[in-house]
Amino acid sequence: MPRVGVVAGRADLATAERAAARFLHALGIPTTSESLRDTPGRMARAYAELFSPRPFDLTTFPNDEGYDELVLARSIPLRSVCEHHLLPLVGTAHVGYLPGGRILGLSKLARVVEFFARRPQVQERLTRQIADWLQGQLEPAGVGVVVEAEHTCMTLRGVLATGSRTVTSTLLGSLREDARARAEFMMLAGLSR
C-alpha cells in the first residue's frame, strides 16, 4: 500500500527562528530575558511540527464478507491552524463510510484527519479534503465527514465569541443522496437530536 504524508521539502528552522525573533521584536517583545531567549527557536519548532503530518501506510483490506453497513469513527481529536491568523483551531471530526470493495484499517481514519489538519487550513476545505480523499482511495458507496471546532481567532481575539464552535459537513454518495443513510450517519455520530 502507498505511503501517505511524505513531504518533499524540509523546514528551514534556522531561517524560521530568525524570522520569529524579528517578528517578536517588531511587536515590541524583547527576547533578551532568560525566559524569552529561546522563544524564537521554540516558535519555529512548534510551527514546523504543526505543519508536518506524520507519514503513514495506507492499510486497506478486501471486503470479503461484503460488509455494507456504516463504519464510523466518532470524536477523532483534531488540531489545525487557521490560515487567516495562524491561530489554533481545535475540535473533533466524525468520519464514516459505507464500504465498497475494500475496507480501511480503522486507525487510518484518524491518520487522514491529522494529515489534512497539519497545515494552515479553513475548516470547510479541511472537511471536504478528508471526504474527497476517502472517496478517491476506497471508492465506497458513501462518505460522511463532520468537523466541529473552536477557532481561537474568534474566541481569543476579534469578536471574542468564547465557547462558540463551528460545524461543517461533507456527505458524498449514498450518505448524501439517501435520507435514511444520512440520518443514520448523523445519529451514530451523535449529531442528531
Protein backbone atom coordinates (compact mmCIF):
# COMPACT_ATOMS: atom_id res chain seq x y z
CA MET A 1 0.00 0.00 0.00
CA PRO A 2 1.20 3.56 -0.66
CA ARG A 3 2.96 5.70 1.93
CA VAL A 4 0.94 8.84 2.72
CA GLY A 5 2.30 12.13 4.05
CA VAL A 6 5.89 12.01 2.86
CA VAL A 7 6.80 15.68 2.49
CA ALA A 8 9.20 16.70 -0.28
CA GLY A 9 10.71 19.74 1.45
CA ARG A 10 12.05 20.22 4.94
CA ALA A 11 11.51 23.21 7.19
CA ASP A 12 14.42 25.64 7.39
CA LEU A 13 14.37 26.00 11.18
CA ALA A 14 17.32 28.42 11.36
CA THR A 15 15.62 30.88 8.98
CA ALA A 16 12.28 30.41 10.76
CA GLU A 17 13.93 31.11 14.14
CA ARG A 18 15.49 34.35 12.85
CA ALA A 19 12.13 35.38 11.39
CA ALA A 20 10.38 34.60 14.70
CA ALA A 21 12.91 36.77 16.57
CA ARG A 22 12.32 39.64 14.12
CA PHE A 23 8.56 39.18 14.45
CA LEU A 24 8.67 39.35 18.26
CA HIS A 25 10.96 42.38 18.18
CA ALA A 26 8.65 44.13 15.66
CA LEU A 27 5.81 43.65 18.18
CA GLY A 28 7.92 45.21 20.94
CA ILE A 29 8.67 41.93 22.72
CA PRO A 30 12.36 41.74 23.62
CA THR A 31 13.90 38.27 23.71
CA THR A 32 16.81 39.15 25.97
CA SER A 33 15.43 37.76 29.24
CA GLU A 34 16.24 34.21 30.28
CA SER A 35 12.60 33.11 29.85
CA LEU A 36 12.26 34.57 26.32
CA ARG A 37 15.77 33.96 24.97
CA ASP A 38 14.88 30.61 23.38
CA THR A 39 11.31 31.54 22.39
CA PRO A 40 12.08 32.20 18.69
CA GLY A 41 13.53 28.68 18.36
CA ARG A 42 10.60 27.17 20.21
CA MET A 43 8.20 29.05 17.94
CA ALA A 44 9.97 27.79 14.82
CA ARG A 45 9.95 24.18 16.03
CA ALA A 46 6.32 24.39 17.17
CA TYR A 47 5.06 25.68 13.81
CA ALA A 48 7.21 23.15 11.94
CA GLU A 49 5.55 20.41 13.99
CA LEU A 50 2.06 21.86 13.44
CA PHE A 51 2.62 21.93 9.67
CA SER A 52 4.22 18.46 9.28
CA PRO A 53 1.90 15.46 9.02
CA ARG A 54 3.31 12.16 10.19
CA PRO A 55 3.65 9.70 7.30
CA PHE A 56 1.59 6.52 7.43
CA ASP A 57 0.98 3.45 5.35
CA LEU A 58 -2.46 3.29 3.79
CA THR A 59 -3.84 -0.03 5.00
CA THR A 60 -6.89 -1.38 3.23
CA PHE A 61 -8.27 -4.89 3.11
CA PRO A 62 -10.61 -6.72 0.75
CA ASN A 63 -14.22 -6.55 1.90
CA ASP A 64 -14.53 -10.33 1.60
CA GLU A 65 -17.65 -10.51 3.75
CA GLY A 66 -19.42 -7.87 1.68
CA TYR A 67 -19.98 -5.65 4.73
CA ASP A 68 -22.30 -2.85 3.58
CA GLU A 69 -23.19 -1.05 6.82
CA LEU A 70 -21.74 2.20 8.11
CA VAL A 71 -18.20 2.27 9.52
CA LEU A 72 -17.80 5.35 11.72
CA ALA A 73 -15.02 6.76 13.89
CA ARG A 74 -16.55 9.35 16.22
CA SER A 75 -14.83 12.20 18.05
CA ILE A 76 -11.41 11.98 16.40
CA PRO A 77 -9.31 14.74 18.02
CA LEU A 78 -8.47 17.49 15.54
CA ARG A 79 -5.87 20.24 15.80
CA SER A 80 -5.11 22.62 12.99
CA VAL A 81 -4.16 26.24 12.39
CA CYS A 82 -6.41 28.87 10.82
CA GLU A 83 -4.77 30.04 7.62
CA HIS A 84 -6.00 33.61 8.12
CA HIS A 85 -4.40 34.29 11.53
CA LEU A 86 -2.18 31.22 12.14
CA LEU A 87 -4.03 30.63 15.41
CA PRO A 88 -5.16 27.16 16.52
CA LEU A 89 -8.48 25.59 15.76
CA VAL A 90 -9.27 22.61 17.95
CA GLY A 91 -12.13 20.16 17.87
CA THR A 92 -13.28 16.76 16.70
CA ALA A 93 -14.01 15.02 13.43
CA HIS A 94 -16.63 12.34 12.88
CA VAL A 95 -15.67 10.26 9.84
CA GLY A 96 -17.61 7.39 8.32
CA TYR A 97 -18.06 5.45 5.12
CA LEU A 98 -20.23 2.76 3.58
CA PRO A 99 -17.76 0.15 2.30
CA GLY A 100 -17.40 -0.89 -1.29
CA GLY A 101 -14.84 -3.49 -2.38
CA ARG A 102 -12.27 -2.53 0.28
CA ILE A 103 -12.30 -1.57 3.95
CA LEU A 104 -9.83 0.70 5.69
CA GLY A 105 -7.76 -0.02 8.79
CA LEU A 106 -9.65 1.94 11.46
CA SER A 107 -6.63 3.93 12.71
CA LYS A 108 -6.27 5.33 9.20
CA LEU A 109 -9.44 7.39 9.64
CA ALA A 110 -7.68 9.35 12.40
CA ARG A 111 -4.46 9.48 10.36
CA VAL A 112 -6.29 11.00 7.38
CA VAL A 113 -7.80 13.68 9.63
CA GLU A 114 -4.35 14.53 11.00
CA PHE A 115 -2.79 14.50 7.51
CA PHE A 116 -5.08 17.24 6.21
CA ALA A 117 -5.20 19.17 9.51
CA ARG A 118 -1.41 19.59 9.69
CA ARG A 119 -1.23 22.69 7.50
CA PRO A 120 -2.78 26.14 7.55
CA GLN A 121 -6.46 25.46 6.87
CA VAL A 122 -10.00 26.69 6.65
CA GLN A 123 -12.47 24.27 8.20
CA GLU A 124 -14.67 23.99 5.12
CA ARG A 125 -11.75 22.89 2.94
CA LEU A 126 -10.44 20.52 5.61
CA THR A 127 -13.81 18.76 5.85
CA ARG A 128 -14.03 18.38 2.07
CA GLN A 129 -10.42 17.19 1.68
CA ILE A 130 -10.93 14.36 4.17
CA ALA A 131 -14.14 13.21 2.44
CA ASP A 132 -12.73 13.51 -1.10
CA TRP A 133 -9.57 11.61 -0.14
CA LEU A 134 -11.54 8.73 1.37
CA GLN A 135 -13.84 8.65 -1.66
CA GLY A 136 -10.87 8.51 -4.03
CA GLN A 137 -8.90 5.90 -2.08
CA LEU A 138 -11.70 3.49 -1.14
CA GLU A 139 -14.40 4.06 -3.77
CA PRO A 140 -17.05 3.40 -1.09
CA ALA A 141 -20.80 3.64 -1.51
CA GLY A 142 -20.74 6.81 0.61
CA VAL A 143 -18.57 9.00 2.83
CA GLY A 144 -19.55 11.35 5.65
CA VAL A 145 -17.33 13.84 7.48
CA VAL A 146 -18.46 16.31 10.14
CA VAL A 147 -15.95 18.61 11.83
CA GLU A 148 -16.77 20.58 14.99
CA ALA A 149 -14.09 23.05 16.09
CA GLU A 150 -13.36 26.09 18.19
CA HIS A 151 -11.44 28.74 16.27
CA THR A 152 -9.23 30.72 18.61
CA CYS A 153 -9.11 33.51 16.02
CA MET A 154 -12.78 34.03 17.01
CA THR A 155 -12.61 33.20 20.71
CA LEU A 156 -9.32 34.79 21.83
CA ARG A 157 -9.37 37.92 19.67
CA GLY A 158 -11.70 39.95 17.49
CA VAL A 159 -15.32 39.16 18.33
CA LEU A 160 -14.31 37.19 21.49
CA ALA A 161 -17.05 34.61 20.89
CA THR A 162 -16.00 32.42 23.81
CA GLY A 163 -17.44 28.90 23.68
CA SER A 164 -18.56 29.08 20.05
CA ARG A 165 -17.95 26.09 17.79
CA THR A 166 -18.16 25.87 14.03
CA VAL A 167 -19.67 22.78 12.41
CA THR A 168 -19.01 21.77 8.80
CA SER A 169 -20.04 18.65 6.90
CA THR A 170 -19.37 16.89 3.64
CA LEU A 171 -21.55 13.96 2.62
CA LEU A 172 -20.84 12.03 -0.57
CA GLY A 173 -22.53 9.18 -2.43
CA SER A 174 -25.41 7.44 -0.70
CA LEU A 175 -24.80 9.36 2.55
CA ARG A 176 -25.77 12.49 0.61
CA GLU A 177 -28.43 11.01 -1.65
CA ASP A 178 -30.27 8.65 0.73
CA ALA A 179 -32.09 10.46 3.56
CA ARG A 180 -32.15 7.32 5.76
CA ALA A 181 -28.41 6.69 5.35
CA ARG A 182 -27.69 10.37 6.06
CA ALA A 183 -29.88 10.28 9.19
CA GLU A 184 -28.15 7.09 10.41
CA PHE A 185 -24.73 8.72 9.96
CA MET A 186 -25.78 11.82 11.88
CA MET A 187 -27.38 9.76 14.66
CA LEU A 188 -24.38 7.45 15.09
CA ALA A 189 -22.04 10.46 15.02
CA GLY A 190 -24.11 11.89 17.91
CA LEU A 191 -25.22 14.90 15.89
CA SER A 192 -28.99 14.41 15.67
CA ARG A 193 -31.36 15.29 18.47
